Amino acid sequence: MWKFLYDLLNYSPEAFRKYKIKLGDPEVVDVIPLKKMTQVPDTALDVAPSTPAQNTEALDAFFKQAVLEIQKKMPTHRAPTTW
C-alpha cells in the first residue's frame, strides 16, 4: 500500500503532492539480514549437452569448477537369477 501511495504522490498531478509530507516511511515487516557473498563466474564449456552422457560431462565440469567433489558410486548388480 505504501508503494502505491508513494507513486501516487510523486508521479500524479500537483493536487496530490500536498499530501506527500504525511506519507512517512514504509513499515518494516520482516527484515532479511544482508550477507556479502563472492561470486565467481563459470568458464565456458566445450560440451553440447544433447545426450545423457554429455549432460553428465557438463555437470562434472560445473562441479569441478565449483570445487565440489562427488563420489561416483556405481550400484552393485547381481547376476540375474534363472528360473
Protein backbone atom coordinates (compact mmCIF):
# COMPACT_ATOMS: atom_id res chain seq x y z
CA MET A 1 0.00 0.00 0.00
CA TRP A 2 2.85 2.36 0.85
CA LYS A 3 4.39 1.99 -2.61
CA PHE A 4 1.06 2.77 -4.26
CA LEU A 5 0.68 5.93 -2.20
CA TYR A 6 4.31 6.89 -2.84
CA ASP A 7 3.84 6.57 -6.61
CA LEU A 8 0.52 8.40 -6.45
CA LEU A 9 2.06 11.32 -4.58
CA ASN A 10 5.25 11.52 -6.65
CA TYR A 11 4.01 10.83 -10.19
CA SER A 12 0.48 12.22 -10.16
CA PRO A 13 -0.83 15.73 -10.74
CA GLU A 14 0.15 18.53 -8.38
CA ALA A 15 -3.13 18.28 -6.46
CA PHE A 16 -1.93 15.07 -4.72
CA ARG A 17 1.54 16.35 -3.84
CA LYS A 18 0.32 18.40 -0.90
CA TYR A 19 -0.16 15.09 1.00
CA LYS A 20 3.45 13.99 0.47
CA ILE A 21 4.56 15.17 3.91
CA LYS A 22 2.01 12.82 5.56
CA LEU A 23 3.32 9.72 3.78
CA GLY A 24 6.19 8.87 6.13
CA ASP A 25 8.45 5.82 5.81
CA PRO A 26 7.27 2.31 4.93
CA GLU A 27 6.64 -0.15 7.74
CA VAL A 28 9.39 -2.75 8.16
CA VAL A 29 7.79 -6.19 8.18
CA ASP A 30 10.48 -8.90 8.15
CA VAL A 31 14.00 -7.68 7.64
CA ILE A 32 16.29 -10.08 5.79
CA PRO A 33 19.87 -9.73 7.08
CA LEU A 34 22.43 -8.75 4.46
CA LYS A 35 25.37 -11.02 3.80
CA LYS A 36 28.21 -10.21 1.43
CA MET A 37 28.96 -13.04 -0.97
CA THR A 38 31.66 -13.53 -3.56
CA GLN A 39 30.56 -14.73 -6.96
CA VAL A 40 32.93 -16.32 -9.44
CA PRO A 41 31.59 -16.95 -12.95
CA ASP A 42 32.00 -20.39 -14.51
CA THR A 43 34.11 -20.80 -17.59
CA ALA A 44 32.64 -21.79 -20.93
CA LEU A 45 32.28 -25.49 -21.66
CA ASP A 46 33.02 -27.24 -24.91
CA VAL A 47 30.16 -29.68 -24.40
CA ALA A 48 26.83 -29.79 -26.20
CA PRO A 49 24.54 -31.42 -23.63
CA SER A 50 22.21 -33.24 -26.00
CA THR A 51 22.63 -36.75 -24.65
CA PRO A 52 22.62 -38.10 -21.09
CA ALA A 53 26.37 -38.81 -21.32
CA GLN A 54 27.07 -35.23 -22.40
CA ASN A 55 24.81 -33.92 -19.63
CA THR A 56 26.97 -35.86 -17.19
CA GLU A 57 30.13 -34.35 -18.68
CA ALA A 58 28.68 -30.85 -18.36
CA LEU A 59 27.63 -31.42 -14.74
CA ASP A 60 31.04 -32.88 -13.88
CA ALA A 61 32.71 -29.81 -15.38
CA PHE A 62 30.43 -27.48 -13.39
CA PHE A 63 31.10 -29.38 -10.18
CA LYS A 64 34.86 -29.29 -10.76
CA GLN A 65 34.71 -25.53 -11.26
CA ALA A 66 32.68 -25.19 -8.06
CA VAL A 67 35.18 -27.45 -6.25
CA LEU A 68 32.50 -29.98 -5.37
CA GLU A 69 33.74 -33.50 -5.11
CA ILE A 70 31.04 -36.06 -5.77
CA GLN A 71 31.88 -39.65 -5.20
CA LYS A 72 30.84 -41.82 -8.06
CA LYS A 73 29.25 -44.90 -6.63
CA MET A 74 28.18 -47.46 -9.12
CA PRO A 75 25.34 -49.65 -7.95
CA THR A 76 26.30 -53.24 -7.47
CA HIS A 77 24.49 -55.53 -9.82
CA ARG A 78 23.84 -59.16 -9.19
CA ALA A 79 23.67 -61.70 -11.90
CA PRO A 80 20.07 -62.30 -12.92
CA THR A 81 18.55 -65.28 -11.30
CA THR A 82 17.48 -68.09 -13.56
CA TRP A 83 14.02 -69.56 -13.26
